[in-house]
PDB file of N, CA and C in Angstrom:
ATOM      1  N   MET A   1      86.083 236.453 149.032  1.00  0.00           N
ATOM      2  CA  MET A   1      85.969 235.912 147.703  1.00  0.00           C
ATOM      3  C   MET A   1      87.192 236.335 146.904  1.00  0.00           C
ATOM      4  N   ARG A   2      87.723 235.407 146.108  1.00  0.00           N
ATOM      5  CA  ARG A   2      88.871 235.679 145.235  1.00  0.00           C
ATOM      6  C   ARG A   2      88.364 235.786 143.796  1.00  0.00           C
ATOM      7  N   VAL A   3      88.652 236.935 143.164  1.00  0.00           N
ATOM      8  CA  VAL A   3      88.130 237.240 141.837  1.00  0.00           C
ATOM      9  C   VAL A   3      89.274 237.594 140.893  1.00  0.00           C
ATOM     10  N   LEU A   4      89.199 237.047 139.678  1.00  0.00           N
ATOM     11  CA  LEU A   4      90.092 237.446 138.597  1.00  0.00           C
ATOM     12  C   LEU A   4      89.330 238.425 137.714  1.00  0.00           C
ATOM     13  N   VAL A   5      89.911 239.596 137.469  1.00  0.00           N
ATOM     14  CA  VAL A   5      89.328 240.564 136.537  1.00  0.00           C
ATOM     15  C   VAL A   5      90.218 240.566 135.305  1.00  0.00           C
ATOM     16  N   HIS A   6      89.632 240.215 134.159  1.00  0.00           N
ATOM     17  CA  HIS A   6      90.393 240.075 132.916  1.00  0.00           C
ATOM     18  C   HIS A   6      89.939 241.136 131.918  1.00  0.00           C
ATOM     19  N   ALA A   7      90.861 242.003 131.526  1.00  0.00           N
ATOM     20  CA  ALA A   7      90.584 243.032 130.519  1.00  0.00           C
ATOM     21  C   ALA A   7      91.864 243.263 129.729  1.00  0.00           C
ATOM     22  N   PRO A   8      92.093 242.437 128.689  1.00  0.00           N
ATOM     23  CA  PRO A   8      93.328 242.591 127.918  1.00  0.00           C
ATOM     24  C   PRO A   8      93.300 243.885 127.112  1.00  0.00           C
ATOM     25  N   GLY A   9      94.428 244.506 126.973  1.00  0.00           N
ATOM     26  CA  GLY A   9      94.486 245.716 126.168  1.00  0.00           C
ATOM     27  C   GLY A   9      95.319 246.794 126.822  1.00  0.00           C
ATOM     28  N   PRO A  10      95.491 247.902 126.114  1.00  0.00           N
ATOM     29  CA  PRO A  10      96.315 248.995 126.643  1.00  0.00           C
ATOM     30  C   PRO A  10      95.642 249.683 127.821  1.00  0.00           C
ATOM     31  N   PRO A  11      96.431 250.109 128.796  1.00  0.00           N
ATOM     32  CA  PRO A  11      95.869 250.721 130.008  1.00  0.00           C
ATOM     33  C   PRO A  11      94.983 251.944 129.751  1.00  0.00           C
ATOM     34  N   GLY A  12      95.207 252.662 128.656  1.00  0.00           N
ATOM     35  CA  GLY A  12      94.418 253.854 128.367  1.00  0.00           C
ATOM     36  C   GLY A  12      93.080 253.589 127.709  1.00  0.00           C
ATOM     37  N   HIS A  13      92.818 252.355 127.284  1.00  0.00           N
ATOM     38  CA  HIS A  13      91.548 252.028 126.622  1.00  0.00           C
ATOM     39  C   HIS A  13      90.409 252.174 127.631  1.00  0.00           C
ATOM     40  N   GLY A  14      89.305 252.741 127.216  1.00  0.00           N
ATOM     41  CA  GLY A  14      88.184 253.000 128.125  1.00  0.00           C
ATOM     42  C   GLY A  14      87.657 251.757 128.824  1.00  0.00           C
ATOM     43  N   VAL A  15      87.581 250.640 128.123  1.00  0.00           N
ATOM     44  CA  VAL A  15      87.072 249.415 128.730  1.00  0.00           C
ATOM     45  C   VAL A  15      88.065 248.878 129.755  1.00  0.00           C
ATOM     46  N   VAL A  16      89.360 249.010 129.491  1.00  0.00           N
ATOM     47  CA  VAL A  16      90.384 248.583 130.444  1.00  0.00           C
ATOM     48  C   VAL A  16      90.355 249.493 131.677  1.00  0.00           C
ATOM     49  N   ARG A  17      90.179 250.786 131.457  1.00  0.00           N
ATOM     50  CA  ARG A  17      90.060 251.718 132.595  1.00  0.00           C
ATOM     51  C   ARG A  17      88.833 251.379 133.435  1.00  0.00           C
ATOM     52  N   HIS A  18      87.730 251.014 132.784  1.00  0.00           N
ATOM     53  CA  HIS A  18      86.522 250.614 133.507  1.00  0.00           C
ATOM     54  C   HIS A  18      86.808 249.375 134.366  1.00  0.00           C
ATOM     55  N   ALA A  19      87.522 248.410 133.815  1.00  0.00           N
ATOM     56  CA  ALA A  19      87.870 247.207 134.571  1.00  0.00           C
ATOM     57  C   ALA A  19      88.691 247.563 135.809  1.00  0.00           C
ATOM     58  N   ALA A  20      89.618 248.509 135.656  1.00  0.00           N
ATOM     59  CA  ALA A  20      90.427 248.947 136.801  1.00  0.00           C
ATOM     60  C   ALA A  20      89.547 249.578 137.878  1.00  0.00           C
ATOM     61  N   GLN A  21      88.522 250.307 137.458  1.00  0.00           N
ATOM     62  CA  GLN A  21      87.587 250.893 138.429  1.00  0.00           C
ATOM     63  C   GLN A  21      86.777 249.812 139.131  1.00  0.00           C
ATOM     64  N   VAL A  22      86.393 248.765 138.391  1.00  0.00           N
ATOM     65  CA  VAL A  22      85.680 247.638 138.999  1.00  0.00           C
ATOM     66  C   VAL A  22      86.549 247.007 140.085  1.00  0.00           C
ATOM     67  N   VAL A  23      87.843 246.825 139.774  1.00  0.00           N
ATOM     68  CA  VAL A  23      88.766 246.249 140.746  1.00  0.00           C
ATOM     69  C   VAL A  23      88.798 247.093 142.017  1.00  0.00           C
ATOM     70  N   GLU A  24      88.931 248.390 141.873  1.00  0.00           N
ATOM     71  CA  GLU A  24      88.989 249.263 143.044  1.00  0.00           C
ATOM     72  C   GLU A  24      87.699 249.179 143.869  1.00  0.00           C
ATOM     73  N   LEU A  25      86.567 249.141 143.190  1.00  0.00           N
ATOM     74  CA  LEU A  25      85.285 249.067 143.903  1.00  0.00           C
ATOM     75  C   LEU A  25      85.127 247.760 144.666  1.00  0.00           C
ATOM     76  N   VAL A  26      85.485 246.644 144.044  1.00  0.00           N
ATOM     77  CA  VAL A  26      85.302 245.369 144.744  1.00  0.00           C
ATOM     78  C   VAL A  26      86.298 245.208 145.874  1.00  0.00           C
ATOM     79  N   ARG A  27      87.499 245.738 145.716  1.00  0.00           N
ATOM     80  CA  ARG A  27      88.475 245.691 146.817  1.00  0.00           C
ATOM     81  C   ARG A  27      87.963 246.454 148.028  1.00  0.00           C
ATOM     82  N   ALA A  28      87.272 247.550 147.778  1.00  0.00           N
ATOM     83  CA  ALA A  28      86.724 248.352 148.875  1.00  0.00           C
ATOM     84  C   ALA A  28      85.665 247.583 149.665  1.00  0.00           C
ATOM     85  N   HIS A  29      85.134 246.518 149.065  1.00  0.00           N
ATOM     86  CA  HIS A  29      84.117 245.705 149.731  1.00  0.00           C
ATOM     87  C   HIS A  29      84.664 244.359 150.190  1.00  0.00           C
ATOM     88  N   GLY A  30      85.988 244.270 150.301  1.00  0.00           N
ATOM     89  CA  GLY A  30      86.601 243.077 150.849  1.00  0.00           C
ATOM     90  C   GLY A  30      86.892 241.963 149.863  1.00  0.00           C
ATOM     91  N   VAL A  31      86.654 242.187 148.595  1.00  0.00           N
ATOM     92  CA  VAL A  31      86.951 241.170 147.583  1.00  0.00           C
ATOM     93  C   VAL A  31      88.444 241.223 147.266  1.00  0.00           C
ATOM     94  N   VAL A  32      89.056 240.066 147.162  1.00  0.00           N
ATOM     95  CA  VAL A  32      90.473 239.970 146.843  1.00  0.00           C
ATOM     96  C   VAL A  32      90.609 239.653 145.360  1.00  0.00           C
ATOM     97  N   THR A  33      91.386 240.462 144.644  1.00  0.00           N
ATOM     98  CA  THR A  33      91.625 240.148 143.237  1.00  0.00           C
ATOM     99  C   THR A  33      92.860 239.262 143.163  1.00  0.00           C
ATOM    100  N   ALA A  34      92.786 238.240 142.324  1.00  0.00           N
ATOM    101  CA  ALA A  34      93.849 237.243 142.249  1.00  0.00           C
ATOM    102  C   ALA A  34      93.982 236.717 140.835  1.00  0.00           C
ATOM    103  N   ARG A  35      95.014 235.951 140.587  1.00  0.00           N
ATOM    104  CA  ARG A  35      95.240 235.319 139.286  1.00  0.00           C
ATOM    105  C   ARG A  35      95.025 233.808 139.352  1.00  0.00           C
ATOM    106  N   ARG A  36      95.097 233.209 140.554  1.00  0.00           N
ATOM    107  CA  ARG A  36      94.933 231.757 140.703  1.00  0.00           C
ATOM    108  C   ARG A  36      93.958 231.469 141.826  1.00  0.00           C
ATOM    109  N   ASP A  37      93.437 230.254 141.805  1.00  0.00           N
ATOM    110  CA  ASP A  37      92.529 229.793 142.858  1.00  0.00           C
ATOM    111  C   ASP A  37      91.374 230.768 143.061  1.00  0.00           C
ATOM    112  N   VAL A  38      90.771 231.210 141.954  1.00  0.00           N
ATOM    113  CA  VAL A  38      89.693 232.184 142.034  1.00  0.00           C
ATOM    114  C   VAL A  38      88.341 231.485 142.099  1.00  0.00           C
ATOM    115  N   GLU A  39      87.394 232.176 142.693  1.00  0.00           N
ATOM    116  CA  GLU A  39      86.017 231.681 142.772  1.00  0.00           C
ATOM    117  C   GLU A  39      85.162 232.254 141.647  1.00  0.00           C
ATOM    118  N   LEU A  40      85.593 233.377 141.096  1.00  0.00           N
ATOM    119  CA  LEU A  40      84.817 234.080 140.078  1.00  0.00           C
ATOM    120  C   LEU A  40      85.778 234.813 139.151  1.00  0.00           C
ATOM    121  N   THR A  41      85.459 234.836 137.871  1.00  0.00           N
ATOM    122  CA  THR A  41      86.216 235.625 136.905  1.00  0.00           C
ATOM    123  C   THR A  41      85.272 236.633 136.272  1.00  0.00           C
ATOM    124  N   HIS A  42      85.701 237.891 136.262  1.00  0.00           N
ATOM    125  CA  HIS A  42      84.943 238.948 135.580  1.00  0.00           C
ATOM    126  C   HIS A  42      85.761 239.358 134.375  1.00  0.00           C
ATOM    127  N   VAL A  43      85.184 239.243 133.189  1.00  0.00           N
ATOM    128  CA  VAL A  43      85.890 239.617 131.971  1.00  0.00           C
ATOM    129  C   VAL A  43      85.199 240.800 131.312  1.00  0.00           C
ATOM    130  N   GLN A  44      85.993 241.783 130.940  1.00  0.00           N
ATOM    131  CA  GLN A  44      85.495 242.929 130.180  1.00  0.00           C
ATOM    132  C   GLN A  44      85.693 242.578 128.712  1.00  0.00           C
ATOM    133  N   PHE A  45      84.643 242.610 127.921  1.00  0.00           N
ATOM    134  CA  PHE A  45      84.767 242.252 126.513  1.00  0.00           C
ATOM    135  C   PHE A  45      84.291 243.369 125.601  1.00  0.00           C
ATOM    136  N   THR A  46      85.125 243.692 124.662  1.00  0.00           N
ATOM    137  CA  THR A  46      84.767 244.439 123.476  1.00  0.00           C
ATOM    138  C   THR A  46      85.684 243.918 122.386  1.00  0.00           C
ATOM    139  N   ASP A  47      85.205 243.854 121.169  1.00  0.00           N
ATOM    140  CA  ASP A  47      86.005 243.248 120.102  1.00  0.00           C
ATOM    141  C   ASP A  47      87.365 243.918 119.947  1.00  0.00           C
ATOM    142  N   ALA A  48      87.457 245.200 120.208  1.00  0.00           N
ATOM    143  CA  ALA A  48      88.721 245.911 120.050  1.00  0.00           C
ATOM    144  C   ALA A  48      89.806 245.396 120.994  1.00  0.00           C
ATOM    145  N   LEU A  49      89.423 244.825 122.122  1.00  0.00           N
ATOM    146  CA  LEU A  49      90.410 244.309 123.063  1.00  0.00           C
ATOM    147  C   LEU A  49      90.903 242.918 122.690  1.00  0.00           C
ATOM    148  N   PHE A  50      90.073 242.142 122.017  1.00  0.00           N
ATOM    149  CA  PHE A  50      90.406 240.746 121.753  1.00  0.00           C
ATOM    150  C   PHE A  50      90.871 240.472 120.329  1.00  0.00           C
ATOM    151  N   GLY A  51      90.693 241.401 119.397  1.00  0.00           N
ATOM    152  CA  GLY A  51      91.144 241.139 118.038  1.00  0.00           C
ATOM    153  C   GLY A  51      90.880 242.286 117.094  1.00  0.00           C
ATOM    154  N   PRO A  52      91.438 242.198 115.887  1.00  0.00           N
ATOM    155  CA  PRO A  52      91.304 243.281 114.919  1.00  0.00           C
ATOM    156  C   PRO A  52      89.922 243.354 114.258  1.00  0.00           C
ATOM    157  N   ASP A  53      89.141 242.262 114.366  1.00  0.00           N
ATOM    158  CA  ASP A  53      87.781 242.266 113.835  1.00  0.00           C
ATOM    159  C   ASP A  53      86.938 241.345 114.711  1.00  0.00           C
ATOM    160  N   ILE A  54      85.613 241.400 114.552  1.00  0.00           N
ATOM    161  CA  ILE A  54      84.729 240.672 115.458  1.00  0.00           C
ATOM    162  C   ILE A  54      84.926 239.158 115.385  1.00  0.00           C
ATOM    163  N   GLY A  55      85.205 238.633 114.196  1.00  0.00           N
ATOM    164  CA  GLY A  55      85.413 237.195 114.064  1.00  0.00           C
ATOM    165  C   GLY A  55      86.629 236.706 114.829  1.00  0.00           C
ATOM    166  N   ARG A  56      87.747 237.418 114.657  1.00  0.00           N
ATOM    167  CA  ARG A  56      88.963 237.013 115.374  1.00  0.00           C
ATOM    168  C   ARG A  56      88.855 237.323 116.860  1.00  0.00           C
ATOM    169  N   ALA A  57      88.145 238.393 117.205  1.00  0.00           N
ATOM    170  CA  ALA A  57      87.938 238.699 118.623  1.00  0.00           C
ATOM    171  C   ALA A  57      87.124 237.601 119.294  1.00  0.00           C
ATOM    172  N   ALA A  58      86.075 237.141 118.610  1.00  0.00           N
ATOM    173  CA  ALA A  58      85.252 236.059 119.168  1.00  0.00           C
ATOM    174  C   ALA A  58      86.075 234.789 119.326  1.00  0.00           C
ATOM    175  N   GLY A  59      86.913 234.483 118.323  1.00  0.00           N
ATOM    176  CA  GLY A  59      87.771 233.306 118.422  1.00  0.00           C
ATOM    177  C   GLY A  59      88.761 233.403 119.567  1.00  0.00           C
ATOM    178  N   ALA A  60      89.358 234.578 119.740  1.00  0.00           N
ATOM    179  CA  ALA A  60      90.306 234.779 120.836  1.00  0.00           C
ATOM    180  C   ALA A  60      89.614 234.660 122.189  1.00  0.00           C
ATOM    181  N   PHE A  61      88.397 235.211 122.278  1.00  0.00           N
ATOM    182  CA  PHE A  61      87.655 235.110 123.537  1.00  0.00           C
ATOM    183  C   PHE A  61      87.304 233.654 123.836  1.00  0.00           C
ATOM    184  N   GLU A  62      86.836 232.926 122.821  1.00  0.00           N
ATOM    185  CA  GLU A  62      86.484 231.521 123.018  1.00  0.00           C
ATOM    186  C   GLU A  62      87.707 230.706 123.436  1.00  0.00           C
ATOM    187  N   ALA A  63      88.860 230.992 122.846  1.00  0.00           N
ATOM    188  CA  ALA A  63      90.082 230.298 123.229  1.00  0.00           C
ATOM    189  C   ALA A  63      90.436 230.597 124.685  1.00  0.00           C
ATOM    190  N   TRP A  64      90.332 231.860 125.076  1.00  0.00           N
ATOM    191  CA  TRP A  64      90.628 232.256 126.460  1.00  0.00           C
ATOM    192  C   TRP A  64      89.658 231.573 127.428  1.00  0.00           C
ATOM    193  N   ALA A  65      88.395 231.509 127.043  1.00  0.00           N
ATOM    194  CA  ALA A  65      87.371 230.958 127.935  1.00  0.00           C
ATOM    195  C   ALA A  65      87.309 229.431 127.896  1.00  0.00           C
ATOM    196  N   GLY A  66      88.141 228.799 127.083  1.00  0.00           N
ATOM    197  CA  GLY A  66      88.088 227.357 126.907  1.00  0.00           C
ATOM    198  C   GLY A  66      88.309 226.534 128.151  1.00  0.00           C
ATOM    199  N   ALA A  67      89.055 227.032 129.105  1.00  0.00           N
ATOM    200  CA  ALA A  67      89.303 226.309 130.356  1.00  0.00           C
ATOM    201  C   ALA A  67      88.762 227.154 131.508  1.00  0.00           C
ATOM    202  N   PRO A  68      87.446 227.142 131.680  1.00  0.00           N
ATOM    203  CA  PRO A  68      86.844 228.075 132.640  1.00  0.00           C
ATOM    204  C   PRO A  68      87.133 227.745 134.099  1.00  0.00           C
ATOM    205  N   PRO A  69      87.313 228.795 134.893  1.00  0.00           N
ATOM    206  CA  PRO A  69      87.340 228.618 136.346  1.00  0.00           C
ATOM    207  C   PRO A  69      85.918 228.342 136.834  1.00  0.00           C
ATOM    208  N   PRO A  70      85.678 228.224 138.114  1.00  0.00           N
ATOM    209  CA  PRO A  70      84.349 227.850 138.607  1.00  0.00           C
ATOM    210  C   PRO A  70      83.187 228.715 138.131  1.00  0.00           C
ATOM    211  N   ALA A  71      83.382 230.007 137.984  1.00  0.00           N
ATOM    212  CA  ALA A  71      82.273 230.880 137.574  1.00  0.00           C
ATOM    213  C   ALA A  71      82.833 232.066 136.798  1.00  0.00           C
ATOM    214  N   ARG A  72      82.054 232.577 135.879  1.00  0.00           N
ATOM    215  CA  ARG A  72      82.461 233.750 135.093  1.00  0.00           C
ATOM    216  C   ARG A  72      81.315 234.748 135.057  1.00  0.00           C
ATOM    217  N   ARG A  73      81.676 236.002 135.011  1.00  0.00           N
ATOM    218  CA  ARG A  73      80.730 237.095 134.846  1.00  0.00           C
ATOM    219  C   ARG A  73      81.347 238.022 133.829  1.00  0.00           C
ATOM    220  N   GLY A  74      80.592 238.485 132.880  1.00  0.00           N
ATOM    221  CA  GLY A  74      81.154 239.325 131.839  1.00  0.00           C
ATOM    222  C   GLY A  74      80.430 240.638 131.676  1.00  0.00           C
ATOM    223  N   THR A  75      81.161 241.598 131.192  1.00  0.00           N
ATOM    224  CA  THR A  75      80.584 242.868 130.780  1.00  0.00           C
ATOM    225  C   THR A  75      81.054 243.078 129.357  1.00  0.00           C
ATOM    226  N   ARG A  76      80.122 243.297 128.463  1.00  0.00           N
ATOM    227  CA  ARG A  76      80.534 243.526 127.087  1.00  0.00           C
ATOM    228  C   ARG A  76      80.036 244.876 126.637  1.00  0.00           C
ATOM    229  N   GLU A  77      80.766 245.452 125.716  1.00  0.00           N
ATOM    230  CA  GLU A  77      80.356 246.700 125.101  1.00  0.00           C
ATOM    231  C   GLU A  77      79.626 246.294 123.833  1.00  0.00           C
ATOM    232  N   ALA A  78      78.326 246.510 123.793  1.00  0.00           N
ATOM    233  CA  ALA A  78      77.504 246.033 122.682  1.00  0.00           C
ATOM    234  C   ALA A  78      77.211 247.164 121.711  1.00  0.00           C
ATOM    235  N   ARG A  79      78.218 247.612 121.059  1.00  0.00           N
ATOM    236  CA  ARG A  79      78.036 248.582 119.990  1.00  0.00           C
ATOM    237  C   ARG A  79      79.144 248.355 118.989  1.00  0.00           C
ATOM    238  N   PRO A  80      78.824 248.462 117.722  1.00  0.00           N
ATOM    239  CA  PRO A  80      79.863 248.286 116.716  1.00  0.00           C
ATOM    240  C   PRO A  80      80.922 249.367 116.846  1.00  0.00           C
ATOM    241  N   ARG A  81      82.137 249.026 116.501  1.00  0.00           N
ATOM    242  CA  ARG A  81      83.202 250.028 116.490  1.00  0.00           C
ATOM    243  C   ARG A  81      82.765 251.219 115.661  1.00  0.00           C
ATOM    244  N   GLY A  82      82.952 252.396 116.190  1.00  0.00           N
ATOM    245  CA  GLY A  82      82.580 253.603 115.472  1.00  0.00           C
ATOM    246  C   GLY A  82      81.158 254.070 115.704  1.00  0.00           C
ATOM    247  N   ALA A  83      80.337 253.248 116.376  1.00  0.00           N
ATOM    248  CA  ALA A  83      78.957 253.651 116.660  1.00  0.00           C
ATOM    249  C   ALA A  83      78.958 254.704 117.768  1.00  0.00           C
ATOM    250  N   PRO A  84      77.937 255.536 117.819  1.00  0.00           N
ATOM    251  CA  PRO A  84      77.871 256.548 118.872  1.00  0.00           C
ATOM    252  C   PRO A  84      77.834 255.914 120.254  1.00  0.00           C
ATOM    253  N   ARG A  85      78.402 256.623 121.214  1.00  0.00           N
ATOM    254  CA  ARG A  85      78.444 256.128 122.601  1.00  0.00           C
ATOM    255  C   ARG A  85      77.061 255.777 123.117  1.00  0.00           C
ATOM    256  N   ALA A  86      76.037 256.470 122.684  1.00  0.00           N
ATOM    257  CA  ALA A  86      74.675 256.196 123.146  1.00  0.00           C
ATOM    258  C   ALA A  86      74.196 254.799 122.734  1.00  0.00           C
ATOM    259  N   ALA A  87      74.852 254.195 121.758  1.00  0.00           N
ATOM    260  CA  ALA A  87      74.448 252.865 121.287  1.00  0.00           C
ATOM    261  C   ALA A  87      75.018 251.756 122.159  1.00  0.00           C
ATOM    262  N   ARG A  88      75.826 252.082 123.166  1.00  0.00           N
ATOM    263  CA  ARG A  88      76.485 251.074 124.000  1.00  0.00           C
ATOM    264  C   ARG A  88      75.504 250.500 125.021  1.00  0.00           C
ATOM    265  N   LEU A  89      75.647 249.221 125.292  1.00  0.00           N
ATOM    266  CA  LEU A  89      74.830 248.526 126.272  1.00  0.00           C
ATOM    267  C   LEU A  89      75.709 247.580 127.056  1.00  0.00           C
ATOM    268  N   SER A  90      75.624 247.580 128.359  1.00  0.00           N
ATOM    269  CA  SER A  90      76.391 246.655 129.187  1.00  0.00           C
ATOM    270  C   SER A  90      75.464 245.596 129.712  1.00  0.00           C
ATOM    271  N   ILE A  91      75.874 244.337 129.616  1.00  0.00           N
ATOM    272  CA  ILE A  91      75.053 243.254 130.151  1.00  0.00           C
ATOM    273  C   ILE A  91      75.836 242.471 131.171  1.00  0.00           C
TER     274      ILE A  91
END
């Protein structure tokens, strides 16, 4: 399977680091990460990666997702910026 993992942002950001760990785990199971001709796209989403506020982040995400590949899977950080880590939920 060819998978695109998309996590825009600085390499030190926790969500971007998590995406890098996802890449390593799926490669260990024979999944090939690619940029073209993918069967699945996994996107890491938190508003901080896509924009300066939730409205612009949502707009940037919608623009990015406007031309979808065959399938997408997402992980989002569901806690407001500044909320305690315990408030985070991944779906």
